[in-house]
Amino acid sequence: EKEGENWVWKGSSILRPSYDRALLNLSRGGADATVVREFDLKTKTFVTEKNFEVAEAKGGVRWIDKDNVFVFTDFGEGTMTKSGYPRIAKLWHRGSAFENAEVVYEGTEDDMYISAMHDDSPGFERNFVSRTIAFYNNELYLRSDDGKLSKVDAPNSAAKSVFKQYLMLELRKPWEADGKKYSAGSLLVTNFDEFMAGKREFEVLFEPTENSSLASFAPMKDHVILNVLED
C-alpha cells in the first residue's frame, strides 16, 4: 500500500533453520514475472542494505544460507531461453555486486528453464542444478562444493526428487535398469549416494494396474503418503 503497487503474492522461500528471513516473490497485477525481495520476519520489514533483491523477471532466487543464494533470472541480453525463462543459474554472495555473481550452469536458448536449488535437510545438505529441456524432459545434477556437476543418471522423462538419503523416481515411460523392467507410472526409491556410485537397485513403492494410477506422493519423516486414483 505504501508503494502504490498492485502487488500480488507469488510465494516465498524461507531461510531455515533460523526462519528469520524470507525471499518474497511479488507480481505486479498477477503477471508471471515477479520481483524478488528479502524480508526480515522478525522486524516485519524489507531488508534494504546488502540485501538480495532481483528486478522483475521470470525466474527465482533460492537460499543456500544467510549470505548466499542461487539466482536464475534475466541477467541481460541473451540470458533467457526462447521460451522466455532463465537460461543461466548463478551463485550470489551477500554484499557483492549482482553482475559479479558466479555462473553455476548455463543452458542453451532451446532449453526451457534452468534453475538451481539447495536442499537444507539436516545431515543431507546438497546443492542441485535442474535443466528443463521441455515439459516432461529434464535433467538433474548434483553440485559439489567445488562446483563440479554430476548428473543424476535417470531417464529424462522421469520425475526425480531427493529426500534425505533417498532418490525417488516417478516413471513416465517403461524403464529397464540392472536387468529389471519397471512399468510406466511406477514410483521407485533407492539410496541416493549408492545410485550416484552406480548401483541400480530399487524398491517399488507403487506400480499401476489397469484401473489405478499414482496422482501424487509426499515423503514424511518415517512414511511416504501415496495419493492413488482408482477407476
Protein backbone atom coordinates (compact mmCIF):
# COMPACT_ATOMS: atom_id res chain seq x y z
CA GLU A 1 0.00 0.00 0.00
CA LYS A 2 2.83 2.39 0.84
CA GLU A 3 4.43 1.75 -2.53
CA GLY A 4 1.27 2.30 -4.54
CA GLU A 5 1.75 -1.01 -6.38
CA ASN A 6 -0.81 -3.71 -7.11
CA TRP A 7 1.36 -6.42 -5.57
CA VAL A 8 0.10 -9.99 -5.93
CA TRP A 9 1.58 -12.71 -3.71
CA LYS A 10 3.51 -15.35 -5.69
CA GLY A 11 5.09 -17.35 -2.88
CA SER A 12 8.15 -17.24 -0.67
CA SER A 13 11.36 -19.05 0.18
CA ILE A 14 12.10 -19.24 3.91
CA LEU A 15 15.62 -19.39 5.34
CA ARG A 16 15.99 -22.49 7.51
CA PRO A 17 16.67 -23.38 10.25
CA SER A 18 16.67 -19.79 11.60
CA TYR A 19 13.31 -18.87 10.00
CA ASP A 20 14.19 -15.18 10.31
CA ARG A 21 14.41 -14.21 6.64
CA ALA A 22 12.26 -14.80 3.57
CA LEU A 23 12.61 -14.17 -0.13
CA LEU A 24 9.23 -12.87 -1.28
CA ASN A 25 8.01 -13.24 -4.85
CA LEU A 26 5.76 -10.30 -5.73
CA SER A 27 3.94 -9.87 -9.02
CA ARG A 28 2.57 -6.65 -10.45
CA GLY A 29 -1.09 -7.34 -11.09
CA GLY A 30 -0.65 -11.12 -11.24
CA ALA A 31 1.84 -11.27 -14.12
CA ASP A 32 4.09 -14.33 -14.49
CA ALA A 33 7.18 -12.18 -13.96
CA THR A 34 7.96 -11.38 -10.32
CA VAL A 35 10.12 -9.10 -8.23
CA VAL A 36 12.11 -10.91 -5.53
CA ARG A 37 12.77 -9.03 -2.29
CA GLU A 38 14.31 -10.03 1.02
CA PHE A 39 12.06 -9.70 4.07
CA ASP A 40 13.00 -9.73 7.78
CA LEU A 41 10.45 -11.93 9.55
CA LYS A 42 11.37 -10.61 12.99
CA THR A 43 11.08 -6.88 12.29
CA LYS A 44 8.49 -7.42 9.51
CA THR A 45 10.31 -5.04 7.23
CA PHE A 46 12.08 -5.35 3.88
CA VAL A 47 15.86 -5.62 4.10
CA THR A 48 17.37 -2.59 2.37
CA GLU A 49 21.14 -2.89 2.96
CA LYS A 50 23.33 -5.62 1.43
CA ASN A 51 20.09 -7.32 0.56
CA PHE A 52 19.02 -9.90 -2.00
CA GLU A 53 16.69 -8.18 -4.44
CA VAL A 54 16.05 -9.07 -8.08
CA ALA A 55 14.24 -6.93 -10.64
CA GLU A 56 11.02 -8.03 -12.33
CA ALA A 57 11.57 -11.12 -14.47
CA LYS A 58 10.63 -14.76 -14.86
CA GLY A 59 12.91 -16.79 -12.62
CA GLY A 60 13.69 -17.15 -8.95
CA VAL A 61 16.09 -16.95 -6.01
CA ARG A 62 16.75 -19.80 -3.55
CA TRP A 63 18.53 -19.70 -0.20
CA ILE A 64 21.77 -21.62 0.35
CA ASP A 65 22.49 -19.92 3.66
CA LYS A 66 22.02 -16.43 5.08
CA ASP A 67 24.80 -14.96 2.94
CA ASN A 68 24.47 -16.98 -0.27
CA VAL A 69 21.69 -17.68 -2.75
CA PHE A 70 21.17 -19.30 -6.12
CA VAL A 71 19.63 -16.91 -8.61
CA PHE A 72 18.20 -17.67 -12.05
CA THR A 73 16.65 -14.72 -13.82
CA ASP A 74 17.07 -12.26 -16.68
CA PHE A 75 20.72 -11.20 -16.50
CA GLY A 76 20.51 -9.21 -19.71
CA GLU A 77 20.58 -9.79 -23.44
CA GLY A 78 20.96 -13.46 -24.43
CA THR A 79 20.41 -14.87 -20.93
CA MET A 80 16.86 -16.14 -21.44
CA THR A 81 15.61 -19.16 -23.38
CA LYS A 82 13.36 -18.95 -26.41
CA SER A 83 10.53 -19.89 -24.02
CA GLY A 84 11.19 -16.72 -22.04
CA TYR A 85 12.67 -18.38 -18.94
CA PRO A 86 16.14 -18.26 -17.34
CA ARG A 87 18.97 -19.85 -19.30
CA ILE A 88 21.64 -19.27 -16.64
CA ALA A 89 21.85 -20.03 -12.90
CA LYS A 90 24.35 -18.19 -10.68
CA LEU A 91 25.68 -18.17 -7.13
CA TRP A 92 25.33 -14.75 -5.49
CA HIS A 93 27.15 -13.72 -2.29
CA ARG A 94 25.63 -11.13 0.04
CA GLY A 95 27.23 -7.73 -0.36
CA SER A 96 28.71 -8.50 -3.78
CA ALA A 97 27.52 -6.88 -6.99
CA PHE A 98 24.68 -8.72 -8.70
CA GLU A 99 26.51 -8.60 -12.04
CA ASN A 100 29.52 -10.37 -10.45
CA ALA A 101 27.53 -13.45 -9.38
CA GLU A 102 29.28 -16.72 -10.25
CA VAL A 103 27.86 -18.80 -13.11
CA VAL A 104 26.78 -22.21 -11.85
CA TYR A 105 25.19 -23.58 -15.02
CA GLU A 106 24.48 -22.24 -18.49
CA GLY A 107 21.87 -23.90 -20.68
CA THR A 108 21.02 -23.29 -24.31
CA GLU A 109 18.45 -20.99 -25.88
CA ASP A 110 16.47 -24.08 -26.90
CA ASP A 111 16.16 -25.30 -23.31
CA MET A 112 13.02 -24.37 -21.45
CA TYR A 113 14.13 -23.47 -17.90
CA ILE A 114 17.37 -23.55 -15.91
CA SER A 115 17.37 -23.36 -12.10
CA ALA A 116 19.47 -24.24 -9.05
CA MET A 117 18.42 -25.10 -5.52
CA HIS A 118 19.77 -26.05 -2.08
CA ASP A 119 18.43 -28.97 -0.04
CA ASP A 120 18.69 -27.90 3.61
CA SER A 121 17.61 -31.20 5.19
CA PRO A 122 19.77 -31.54 8.34
CA GLY A 123 22.55 -34.04 7.69
CA PHE A 124 21.72 -34.26 3.99
CA GLU A 125 22.56 -30.76 2.75
CA ARG A 126 23.10 -30.79 -1.01
CA ASN A 127 23.05 -28.42 -3.98
CA PHE A 128 21.35 -29.22 -7.27
CA VAL A 129 21.02 -27.79 -10.76
CA SER A 130 17.91 -28.51 -12.81
CA ARG A 131 17.83 -28.36 -16.60
CA THR A 132 14.31 -28.49 -18.02
CA ILE A 133 14.62 -29.13 -21.74
CA ALA A 134 10.86 -29.35 -22.30
CA PHE A 135 7.76 -30.46 -20.42
CA TYR A 136 8.44 -33.96 -19.02
CA ASN A 137 12.04 -33.81 -20.24
CA ASN A 138 14.55 -32.74 -17.62
CA GLU A 139 18.00 -33.39 -16.20
CA LEU A 140 19.09 -33.11 -12.54
CA TYR A 141 22.68 -32.51 -11.44
CA LEU A 142 24.32 -32.74 -8.03
CA ARG A 143 26.69 -29.80 -7.46
CA SER A 144 29.71 -30.44 -5.26
CA ASP A 145 31.32 -27.84 -3.03
CA ASP A 146 34.00 -27.22 -5.67
CA GLY A 147 31.36 -26.58 -8.33
CA LYS A 148 31.57 -29.93 -10.15
CA LEU A 149 28.27 -31.19 -11.58
CA SER A 150 27.36 -34.89 -11.52
CA LYS A 151 24.28 -35.97 -13.45
CA VAL A 152 21.59 -37.99 -11.67
CA ASP A 153 21.61 -40.60 -14.42
CA ALA A 154 17.92 -41.44 -14.53
CA PRO A 155 15.67 -41.14 -17.61
CA ASN A 156 14.95 -37.58 -18.70
CA SER A 157 11.26 -38.48 -18.80
CA ALA A 158 11.20 -39.49 -15.12
CA ALA A 159 10.28 -37.07 -12.33
CA LYS A 160 13.25 -37.02 -9.94
CA SER A 161 13.18 -36.00 -6.29
CA VAL A 162 15.67 -36.35 -3.45
CA PHE A 163 14.54 -36.71 0.16
CA LYS A 164 17.23 -37.15 2.82
CA GLN A 165 19.09 -40.35 1.88
CA TYR A 166 16.60 -41.35 -0.80
CA LEU A 167 16.23 -40.81 -4.54
CA MET A 168 12.65 -41.19 -5.75
CA LEU A 169 11.79 -41.70 -9.42
CA GLU A 170 8.29 -41.45 -10.86
CA LEU A 171 8.45 -43.12 -14.25
CA ARG A 172 6.53 -41.71 -17.20
CA LYS A 173 7.90 -44.37 -19.57
CA PRO A 174 8.90 -48.04 -19.10
CA TRP A 175 12.50 -48.40 -17.92
CA GLU A 176 14.95 -51.25 -17.59
CA ALA A 177 17.76 -51.00 -15.03
CA ASP A 178 20.21 -53.68 -13.91
CA GLY A 179 18.25 -56.30 -15.83
CA LYS A 180 14.91 -55.46 -14.22
CA LYS A 181 11.95 -53.88 -16.02
CA TYR A 182 9.80 -51.20 -14.42
CA SER A 183 6.50 -50.07 -15.87
CA ALA A 184 5.45 -46.53 -16.70
CA GLY A 185 3.62 -44.90 -13.81
CA SER A 186 5.70 -46.68 -11.16
CA LEU A 187 7.29 -44.96 -8.16
CA LEU A 188 10.77 -46.23 -7.34
CA VAL A 189 13.05 -45.48 -4.41
CA THR A 190 16.72 -46.13 -3.79
CA ASN A 191 19.63 -44.82 -1.77
CA PHE A 192 20.83 -41.58 -3.39
CA ASP A 193 24.55 -41.97 -2.68
CA GLU A 194 24.55 -45.60 -3.87
CA PHE A 195 22.73 -44.59 -7.05
CA MET A 196 25.30 -41.87 -7.76
CA ALA A 197 28.02 -44.50 -7.26
CA GLY A 198 26.44 -46.67 -9.97
CA LYS A 199 24.18 -49.05 -8.05
CA ARG A 200 20.75 -49.67 -9.63
CA GLU A 201 18.68 -51.50 -7.04
CA PHE A 202 15.18 -50.11 -6.42
CA GLU A 203 12.23 -50.72 -4.17
CA VAL A 204 8.90 -50.30 -5.96
CA LEU A 205 6.63 -48.15 -3.80
CA PHE A 206 3.83 -48.12 -6.35
CA GLU A 207 3.06 -49.92 -9.60
CA PRO A 208 -0.07 -49.03 -11.59
CA THR A 209 -2.75 -51.53 -12.52
CA GLU A 210 -5.36 -51.43 -15.28
CA ASN A 211 -7.63 -49.32 -13.07
CA SER A 212 -5.21 -47.43 -10.78
CA SER A 213 -2.57 -44.72 -11.12
CA LEU A 214 -0.46 -42.56 -8.85
CA ALA A 215 -1.76 -39.00 -8.60
CA SER A 216 0.94 -37.73 -6.24
CA PHE A 217 3.18 -38.71 -3.32
CA ALA A 218 4.66 -36.99 -0.27
CA PRO A 219 7.65 -38.26 1.74
CA MET A 220 7.31 -37.84 5.51
CA LYS A 221 9.75 -38.48 8.36
CA ASP A 222 9.01 -42.22 8.57
CA HIS A 223 6.44 -42.83 5.82
CA VAL A 224 5.52 -41.99 2.25
CA ILE A 225 1.97 -40.88 1.54
CA LEU A 226 0.61 -42.15 -1.78
CA ASN A 227 -2.37 -40.44 -3.38
CA VAL A 228 -3.84 -43.10 -5.68
CA LEU A 229 -6.60 -42.83 -8.26
CA GLU A 230 -8.79 -45.88 -8.86
CA ASP A 231 -11.37 -46.21 -11.65
